[in-house]
Amino acid sequence: MLLAFYVPTALLAFCDGLLIPTMPLFAAAFDDRLSVVGLILAAEAFGLLLCDLPAGRLLRFVTPKTAILLGGGVYGLSMLLTPLAPSVAILVLMRVAAGGGLALFGVSRHAYLAGASLGGKRGRMISIYGGVNRLGLFVGPLAGGFLGSWLGLAAPFVLAAVLCFVGIWMMMALLPGIEVNVREGQDAQDRGAVARALRASRRDLLVAGTGQLFGQAVRAGRKVLLPLIGAQVLGLDVAAVGIVVGAAGFADMALSYPAGWLMDRYGRKFAILPCFGIQALGLALLPFVSGFGGLLAAGIIIGLGNGLGSGNMMTLGADLAPRAAMGEFLGLWRLIGDVGWVGGPIVVGAVAQALSFSASSFVMAGVGVAAVAWFGLLVPETRGRDALPVAENTGVQAAS
């Protein structure tokens, strides 16, 4: 799995990270109006939300490897064409396409891991996946900023496309094939079985999905709050803010494997509850920091909390996914998480605009506490479901 899955995953996360410092500047080069820049930056998220459900449905007709090829290909091609966009409209279209590619790429890798991570090792396998994603997103912005200043703002897009295609090639060449409900759900008469499976899982999806919505909003909100409080409230320079964000990211990565071990050894909740509880604590401390040291400490606390949650929502989704409708369920599951991911920063901005950044911090801390209570009281423990035979638990079968 190392060369076949985790290294390509790190490469593709690195590609995404390359654009973090350069995409806003590239968008502003087309039109420096903030409304237009915001539209361009939001286009990828729109494509992601738009395509989560179709991506899950597609897995009924193609294998995860084929879906990985399609999703990664769309993403890589959009990266390659973005610097050639002649207008804002085409640029927005390219970013929507990139989001759609990421949706298919994400759902297909989630489904692959759900099928490959049996025998009580699912938490560790998926937490490592989360960790290598964090590694790529940690290193990518550093390289993207340097490359953009050295060779121009188009260079990170070209490099992202090349590395994306390299990663896809590695997966196609090295990854064993598996199938997700391909044979048993293609015919029209089997559509009823899919609908029945989803109806039977609707409580799991509603209850656990609501918890995921809270949790992903917290995760996305803290990524906005740390740099904004550092720069706009404390008056720190870019270098100091970068150190805080980098230290939080390093703490996050360091706990990826321990998070998976906790999930497999003691249960999913043993990682989920401290993940959001510790993040809530760190967020609640932000209004009381008065300088670089305090912000650094709060950032590390938040990073440690998020690290304990490496892969936790993907693991929970894989545990809950029904045998007869895995692709559809995971598409819905990821859509719920992506709504939280997109909504978190919106809540932070709206509360900060109406009140203050301190109020935003307390609101997001409250959402974190709500996530802890929700998962602790309402969501069942799912550890052990990955130990069942594939045919009884996931519907993922080895390709013949």
Protein backbone atom coordinates (compact mmCIF):
# COMPACT_ATOMS: atom_id res chain seq x y z
CA MET A 1 0.00 0.00 0.00
CA LEU A 2 2.92 2.37 0.56
CA LEU A 3 3.97 2.93 -3.07
CA ALA A 4 0.62 1.94 -4.54
CA PHE A 5 -1.61 4.19 -2.43
CA TYR A 6 0.02 6.34 0.25
CA VAL A 7 2.84 7.88 -1.82
CA PRO A 8 0.47 8.85 -4.68
CA THR A 9 -1.96 10.24 -2.10
CA ALA A 10 0.82 12.39 -0.61
CA LEU A 11 1.75 13.59 -4.11
CA LEU A 12 -1.81 14.61 -4.87
CA ALA A 13 -2.22 16.38 -1.53
CA PHE A 14 1.04 18.17 -2.31
CA CYS A 15 -0.51 19.26 -5.63
CA ASP A 16 -3.47 20.75 -3.78
CA GLY A 17 -1.14 22.43 -1.30
CA LEU A 18 0.88 24.03 -4.10
CA LEU A 19 -2.10 26.22 -4.92
CA ILE A 20 -2.89 27.46 -1.39
CA PRO A 21 -0.57 30.50 -1.54
CA THR A 22 -0.78 31.07 -5.30
CA MET A 23 -4.44 30.59 -6.22
CA PRO A 24 -5.65 33.85 -4.59
CA LEU A 25 -2.89 35.80 -6.35
CA PHE A 26 -3.60 34.09 -9.66
CA ALA A 27 -7.30 34.92 -9.31
CA ALA A 28 -6.52 38.55 -8.46
CA ALA A 29 -4.42 38.81 -11.63
CA PHE A 30 -7.62 38.29 -13.63
CA ASP A 31 -9.76 40.69 -11.62
CA ASP A 32 -8.75 42.31 -8.34
CA ARG A 33 -12.31 42.89 -7.13
CA LEU A 34 -12.78 40.91 -3.93
CA SER A 35 -16.17 39.60 -5.04
CA VAL A 36 -14.67 38.12 -8.21
CA VAL A 37 -11.67 36.69 -6.37
CA GLY A 38 -14.04 35.12 -3.85
CA LEU A 39 -16.11 33.58 -6.65
CA ILE A 40 -13.01 32.03 -8.22
CA LEU A 41 -11.78 30.68 -4.90
CA ALA A 42 -15.21 29.23 -4.05
CA ALA A 43 -15.62 27.50 -7.42
CA GLU A 44 -13.64 24.40 -6.44
CA ALA A 45 -15.77 23.90 -3.32
CA PHE A 46 -18.91 24.28 -5.45
CA GLY A 47 -17.66 21.58 -7.83
CA LEU A 48 -16.89 19.34 -4.87
CA LEU A 49 -20.39 19.68 -3.41
CA LEU A 50 -21.99 19.30 -6.83
CA CYS A 51 -20.24 16.03 -7.64
CA ASP A 52 -20.11 14.11 -4.34
CA LEU A 53 -23.41 12.31 -4.97
CA PRO A 54 -22.82 11.52 -8.68
CA ALA A 55 -19.36 10.24 -7.75
CA GLY A 56 -20.85 7.81 -5.26
CA ARG A 57 -23.43 6.67 -7.79
CA LEU A 58 -20.74 6.09 -10.43
CA LEU A 59 -19.09 3.49 -8.20
CA ARG A 60 -22.02 1.19 -8.93
CA PHE A 61 -20.86 0.93 -12.53
CA VAL A 62 -17.06 1.20 -12.40
CA THR A 63 -14.34 -0.09 -10.08
CA PRO A 64 -12.64 2.26 -7.62
CA LYS A 65 -9.45 2.10 -9.73
CA THR A 66 -11.34 3.32 -12.78
CA ALA A 67 -12.98 6.07 -10.73
CA ILE A 68 -9.57 7.08 -9.34
CA LEU A 69 -8.28 7.37 -12.92
CA LEU A 70 -11.28 9.44 -14.03
CA GLY A 71 -11.30 11.75 -11.01
CA GLY A 72 -7.56 12.26 -10.95
CA GLY A 73 -7.50 12.76 -14.71
CA VAL A 74 -10.15 15.49 -14.56
CA TYR A 75 -8.29 17.20 -11.71
CA GLY A 76 -4.90 17.01 -13.44
CA LEU A 77 -6.30 18.23 -16.75
CA SER A 78 -8.02 21.17 -15.08
CA MET A 79 -4.71 22.10 -13.42
CA LEU A 80 -2.96 21.99 -16.78
CA LEU A 81 -5.59 24.14 -18.50
CA THR A 82 -6.09 26.70 -15.71
CA PRO A 83 -3.07 28.90 -16.65
CA LEU A 84 -4.44 29.02 -20.21
CA ALA A 85 -7.87 30.34 -19.16
CA PRO A 86 -8.65 33.42 -21.28
CA SER A 87 -11.34 34.85 -19.01
CA VAL A 88 -12.77 34.77 -15.51
CA ALA A 89 -15.67 32.61 -16.70
CA ILE A 90 -13.35 29.92 -18.07
CA LEU A 91 -11.19 30.11 -14.95
CA VAL A 92 -14.26 29.53 -12.76
CA LEU A 93 -15.24 26.60 -14.99
CA MET A 94 -11.76 25.08 -14.58
CA ARG A 95 -11.98 25.40 -10.80
CA VAL A 96 -15.44 23.79 -10.76
CA ALA A 97 -14.00 20.93 -12.85
CA ALA A 98 -11.12 20.60 -10.39
CA GLY A 99 -13.63 20.30 -7.54
CA GLY A 100 -15.59 17.68 -9.45
CA GLY A 101 -12.42 15.70 -10.08
CA LEU A 102 -11.51 15.90 -6.40
CA ALA A 103 -15.00 14.67 -5.44
CA LEU A 104 -14.72 11.57 -7.61
CA PHE A 105 -11.11 11.06 -6.58
CA GLY A 106 -12.01 11.34 -2.89
CA VAL A 107 -15.07 9.07 -2.94
CA SER A 108 -13.27 6.40 -4.96
CA ARG A 109 -10.26 6.34 -2.62
CA HIS A 110 -12.61 6.22 0.37
CA ALA A 111 -14.41 3.24 -1.15
CA TYR A 112 -11.12 1.54 -1.95
CA LEU A 113 -9.89 1.92 1.62
CA ALA A 114 -13.24 0.68 2.95
CA GLY A 115 -12.74 -2.54 1.01
CA ALA A 116 -9.02 -2.94 1.58
CA SER A 117 -8.95 -2.14 5.31
CA LEU A 118 -10.53 -5.26 6.77
CA GLY A 119 -9.37 -7.51 9.60
CA GLY A 120 -9.46 -4.90 12.36
CA LYS A 121 -6.91 -2.56 10.75
CA ARG A 122 -9.24 -0.01 9.21
CA GLY A 123 -8.55 2.77 11.70
CA ARG A 124 -4.78 2.60 11.19
CA MET A 125 -4.97 2.31 7.41
CA ILE A 126 -7.31 5.26 7.07
CA SER A 127 -5.52 7.38 9.69
CA ILE A 128 -2.26 6.93 7.75
CA TYR A 129 -4.17 8.10 4.68
CA GLY A 130 -5.20 11.18 6.64
CA GLY A 131 -1.62 11.68 7.79
CA VAL A 132 -0.06 11.58 4.33
CA ASN A 133 -2.72 14.02 3.14
CA ARG A 134 -1.70 16.35 5.95
CA LEU A 135 1.96 15.93 4.99
CA GLY A 136 1.29 16.94 1.40
CA LEU A 137 -0.80 19.92 2.43
CA PHE A 138 1.91 20.93 4.92
CA VAL A 139 4.81 20.91 2.44
CA GLY A 140 2.86 21.97 -0.66
CA PRO A 141 2.27 25.64 0.26
CA LEU A 142 5.97 26.14 1.00
CA ALA A 143 6.92 24.83 -2.43
CA GLY A 144 4.05 26.65 -4.13
CA GLY A 145 5.04 30.02 -2.72
CA PHE A 146 8.68 29.56 -3.71
CA LEU A 147 7.84 28.26 -7.18
CA GLY A 148 5.32 31.04 -7.83
CA SER A 149 7.80 33.76 -6.89
CA TRP A 150 10.61 32.15 -8.89
CA LEU A 151 8.93 31.02 -12.13
CA GLY A 152 5.59 32.84 -12.06
CA LEU A 153 2.09 32.07 -10.85
CA ALA A 154 1.40 29.57 -13.64
CA ALA A 155 4.28 27.28 -12.61
CA PRO A 156 2.56 25.67 -9.57
CA PHE A 157 -0.39 24.65 -11.76
CA VAL A 158 1.87 22.95 -14.29
CA LEU A 159 3.80 21.12 -11.57
CA ALA A 160 0.53 20.10 -9.90
CA ALA A 161 -0.72 18.62 -13.18
CA VAL A 162 2.51 16.68 -13.78
CA LEU A 163 2.64 15.27 -10.24
CA CYS A 164 -1.06 14.42 -10.37
CA PHE A 165 -0.53 12.34 -13.52
CA VAL A 166 2.51 10.66 -11.94
CA GLY A 167 0.44 9.76 -8.87
CA ILE A 168 -2.38 8.35 -11.00
CA TRP A 169 0.10 6.29 -13.01
CA MET A 170 1.53 4.82 -9.81
CA MET A 171 -1.94 3.86 -8.59
CA MET A 172 -2.94 2.32 -11.91
CA ALA A 173 0.31 0.34 -12.14
CA LEU A 174 0.64 -0.85 -8.55
CA LEU A 175 -2.78 -0.86 -6.89
CA PRO A 176 -4.63 -4.22 -6.79
CA GLY A 177 -8.11 -4.05 -8.25
CA ILE A 178 -11.27 -4.29 -6.15
CA GLU A 179 -14.94 -3.80 -6.96
CA VAL A 180 -17.72 -2.02 -5.09
CA ASN A 181 -21.19 -3.43 -5.80
CA VAL A 182 -20.46 -3.54 -9.52
CA ARG A 183 -22.06 -6.86 -10.39
CA GLU A 184 -24.99 -7.08 -8.02
CA GLY A 185 -26.42 -3.61 -8.47
CA GLN A 186 -26.18 -2.83 -12.18
CA ASP A 187 -29.55 -4.20 -13.27
CA ALA A 188 -32.74 -2.21 -12.97
CA GLN A 189 -34.30 -4.80 -10.66
CA ASP A 190 -31.50 -4.23 -8.14
CA ARG A 191 -32.25 -0.54 -7.75
CA GLY A 192 -34.84 -1.43 -5.16
CA ALA A 193 -32.18 -3.18 -3.11
CA VAL A 194 -30.07 -0.02 -3.18
CA ALA A 195 -33.02 2.09 -2.06
CA ARG A 196 -33.83 -0.37 0.72
CA ALA A 197 -30.22 -0.39 1.90
CA LEU A 198 -30.12 3.40 2.03
CA ARG A 199 -33.46 3.55 3.85
CA ALA A 200 -32.19 1.03 6.39
CA SER A 201 -29.11 3.20 6.92
CA ARG A 202 -30.93 6.52 7.09
CA ARG A 203 -30.74 6.76 10.88
CA ASP A 204 -26.99 6.10 10.84
CA LEU A 205 -26.56 8.67 8.09
CA LEU A 206 -28.70 11.28 9.86
CA VAL A 207 -27.28 10.85 13.36
CA ALA A 208 -23.62 10.22 12.56
CA GLY A 209 -23.77 12.63 9.62
CA THR A 210 -24.95 15.45 11.88
CA GLY A 211 -22.01 14.80 14.17
CA GLN A 212 -19.71 14.86 11.17
CA LEU A 213 -21.22 18.17 10.06
CA PHE A 214 -20.33 19.70 13.43
CA GLY A 215 -16.86 18.19 13.45
CA GLN A 216 -15.86 19.21 9.94
CA ALA A 217 -17.11 22.75 10.56
CA VAL A 218 -14.79 22.96 13.58
CA ARG A 219 -11.85 21.64 11.58
CA ALA A 220 -12.37 24.11 8.76
CA GLY A 221 -13.10 27.01 11.11
CA ARG A 222 -9.85 26.65 13.05
CA LYS A 223 -7.87 26.90 9.79
CA VAL A 224 -9.36 30.36 9.28
CA LEU A 225 -9.25 31.57 12.88
CA LEU A 226 -5.58 30.93 13.65
CA PRO A 227 -4.07 33.10 10.88
CA LEU A 228 -6.73 35.81 11.08
CA ILE A 229 -6.43 36.27 14.85
CA GLY A 230 -2.65 36.28 14.51
CA ALA A 231 -2.60 38.91 11.78
CA GLN A 232 -5.65 41.09 12.45
CA VAL A 233 -6.04 40.90 16.23
CA LEU A 234 -2.49 40.40 17.49
CA GLY A 235 -0.74 42.25 14.65
CA LEU A 236 1.78 39.47 13.96
CA ASP A 237 3.68 39.50 10.68
CA VAL A 238 3.36 36.83 8.00
CA ALA A 239 6.44 34.92 9.19
CA ALA A 240 5.13 34.64 12.75
CA VAL A 241 1.70 33.52 11.57
CA GLY A 242 3.40 30.97 9.32
CA ILE A 243 5.32 29.55 12.29
CA VAL A 244 2.09 29.18 14.29
CA VAL A 245 0.25 27.49 11.44
CA GLY A 246 3.26 25.29 10.69
CA ALA A 247 3.64 24.20 14.32
CA ALA A 248 -0.06 23.37 14.50
CA GLY A 249 0.26 21.37 11.29
CA PHE A 250 3.28 19.47 12.59
CA ALA A 251 1.47 18.57 15.82
CA ASP A 252 -1.46 17.45 13.69
CA MET A 253 0.68 15.12 11.55
CA ALA A 254 2.52 13.64 14.53
CA LEU A 255 -0.61 11.96 15.91
CA SER A 256 -1.90 10.39 12.69
CA TYR A 257 -0.82 6.82 13.44
CA PRO A 258 -1.66 6.95 17.17
CA ALA A 259 -5.16 8.06 16.18
CA GLY A 260 -5.63 4.96 14.05
CA TRP A 261 -4.22 2.72 16.78
CA LEU A 262 -6.68 4.19 19.28
CA MET A 263 -9.60 3.57 16.92
CA ASP A 264 -8.60 -0.05 16.28
CA ARG A 265 -7.59 -0.91 19.84
CA TYR A 266 -10.23 0.83 21.95
CA GLY A 267 -12.93 2.07 19.58
CA ARG A 268 -13.69 4.91 17.18
CA LYS A 269 -15.03 7.14 19.95
CA PHE A 270 -11.74 6.98 21.85
CA ALA A 271 -10.27 9.10 19.04
CA ILE A 272 -13.35 11.07 17.98
CA LEU A 273 -14.29 12.51 21.38
CA PRO A 274 -10.84 13.84 22.39
CA CYS A 275 -10.30 15.08 18.83
CA PHE A 276 -13.15 17.58 18.96
CA GLY A 277 -12.93 18.17 22.72
CA ILE A 278 -9.27 19.23 22.59
CA GLN A 279 -9.92 21.41 19.54
CA ALA A 280 -12.80 23.06 21.39
CA LEU A 281 -10.45 23.79 24.30
CA GLY A 282 -7.85 25.34 22.01
CA LEU A 283 -10.46 27.45 20.23
CA ALA A 284 -11.88 28.66 23.55
CA LEU A 285 -8.38 29.80 24.56
CA LEU A 286 -7.87 31.96 21.47
CA PRO A 287 -9.72 35.05 22.80
CA PHE A 288 -7.38 35.12 25.80
CA VAL A 289 -4.04 35.01 23.98
CA SER A 290 -2.08 38.26 23.96
CA GLY A 291 0.91 37.52 21.78
CA PHE A 292 2.91 35.08 19.69
CA GLY A 293 3.59 32.60 22.51
CA GLY A 294 -0.04 32.27 23.50
CA LEU A 295 -1.20 31.86 19.92
CA LEU A 296 1.51 29.24 19.33
CA ALA A 297 0.40 27.26 22.39
CA ALA A 298 -3.27 27.42 21.38
CA GLY A 299 -2.38 26.42 17.82
CA ILE A 300 -0.43 23.38 19.02
CA ILE A 301 -3.33 22.32 21.26
CA ILE A 302 -5.72 22.60 18.33
CA GLY A 303 -3.29 20.72 16.09
CA LEU A 304 -2.92 17.89 18.60
CA GLY A 305 -6.69 17.60 18.84
CA ASN A 306 -7.13 17.48 15.09
CA GLY A 307 -4.31 14.94 14.80
CA LEU A 308 -6.18 12.58 17.12
CA GLY A 309 -8.97 12.68 14.55
CA SER A 310 -6.85 11.69 11.56
CA GLY A 311 -9.15 9.64 9.33
CA ASN A 312 -11.85 9.35 11.99
CA MET A 313 -14.77 10.49 9.86
CA MET A 314 -13.66 8.37 6.90
CA THR A 315 -13.32 5.36 9.19
CA LEU A 316 -16.77 5.93 10.66
CA GLY A 317 -18.28 6.31 7.19
CA ALA A 318 -16.62 3.10 6.01
CA ASP A 319 -17.94 1.27 9.09
CA LEU A 320 -21.49 2.48 8.54
CA ALA A 321 -21.68 2.04 4.75
CA PRO A 322 -24.19 -0.71 3.82
CA ARG A 323 -23.13 -3.63 1.66
CA ALA A 324 -25.64 -3.03 -1.11
CA ALA A 325 -25.09 0.72 -1.49
CA MET A 326 -21.54 1.53 -0.44
CA GLY A 327 -20.81 4.02 -3.22
CA GLU A 328 -24.07 5.90 -2.78
CA PHE A 329 -23.70 5.97 1.01
CA LEU A 330 -20.12 7.25 0.87
CA GLY A 331 -21.13 9.92 -1.65
CA LEU A 332 -23.81 11.15 0.77
CA TRP A 333 -21.40 10.86 3.70
CA ARG A 334 -18.74 12.95 1.99
CA LEU A 335 -21.32 15.52 0.87
CA ILE A 336 -22.36 16.06 4.50
CA GLY A 337 -18.74 16.45 5.55
CA ASP A 338 -17.98 18.82 2.70
CA VAL A 339 -20.97 21.00 3.63
CA GLY A 340 -19.50 21.31 7.12
CA TRP A 341 -16.06 22.00 5.67
CA VAL A 342 -17.40 24.80 3.47
CA GLY A 343 -19.77 26.13 6.13
CA GLY A 344 -17.24 26.45 8.96
CA PRO A 345 -15.32 29.41 7.51
CA ILE A 346 -18.60 31.07 6.49
CA VAL A 347 -19.80 30.92 10.11
CA VAL A 348 -16.45 32.28 11.33
CA GLY A 349 -16.61 35.20 8.90
CA ALA A 350 -20.25 36.01 9.59
CA VAL A 351 -19.84 36.02 13.38
CA ALA A 352 -16.60 38.01 13.18
CA GLN A 353 -18.26 40.56 10.91
CA ALA A 354 -21.25 40.94 13.23
CA LEU A 355 -19.40 40.70 16.55
CA SER A 356 -15.68 39.87 16.77
CA PHE A 357 -13.08 37.18 16.22
CA SER A 358 -13.34 36.33 19.90
CA ALA A 359 -17.03 35.61 19.42
CA SER A 360 -16.19 33.45 16.40
CA SER A 361 -13.73 31.47 18.50
CA PHE A 362 -16.31 30.84 21.21
CA VAL A 363 -18.94 29.85 18.64
CA MET A 364 -16.61 27.32 17.01
CA ALA A 365 -15.59 26.02 20.45
CA GLY A 366 -19.29 25.55 21.17
CA VAL A 367 -19.70 23.62 17.92
CA GLY A 368 -16.79 21.42 19.02
CA VAL A 369 -18.48 20.73 22.37
CA ALA A 370 -21.69 19.94 20.49
CA ALA A 371 -19.77 17.45 18.33
CA VAL A 372 -18.39 15.73 21.45
CA ALA A 373 -21.83 15.50 23.04
CA TRP A 374 -23.46 14.33 19.82
CA PHE A 375 -20.95 11.56 19.13
CA GLY A 376 -20.74 10.56 22.77
CA LEU A 377 -24.47 10.26 23.39
CA LEU A 378 -26.10 9.46 20.06
CA VAL A 379 -23.65 7.78 17.67
CA PRO A 380 -23.06 4.04 18.23
CA GLU A 381 -19.57 2.57 18.52
CA THR A 382 -18.65 0.90 15.21
CA ARG A 383 -15.34 -0.76 16.06
CA GLY A 384 -15.37 -4.37 14.87
CA ARG A 385 -17.45 -3.91 11.75
CA ASP A 386 -14.31 -4.02 9.62
CA ALA A 387 -13.55 -7.50 11.02
CA LEU A 388 -16.54 -9.02 9.22
CA PRO A 389 -16.09 -10.85 5.90
CA VAL A 390 -16.33 -8.52 2.95
CA ALA A 391 -19.49 -10.07 1.61
CA GLU A 392 -21.24 -9.51 4.95
CA ASN A 393 -20.05 -6.02 5.71
CA THR A 394 -19.00 -3.86 2.81
CA GLY A 395 -19.89 -5.40 -0.52
CA VAL A 396 -16.33 -4.90 -1.73
CA GLN A 397 -15.00 -7.93 -3.52
CA ALA A 398 -11.61 -8.78 -4.92
CA ALA A 399 -11.65 -8.29 -8.65
CA SER A 400 -11.44 -11.52 -10.57
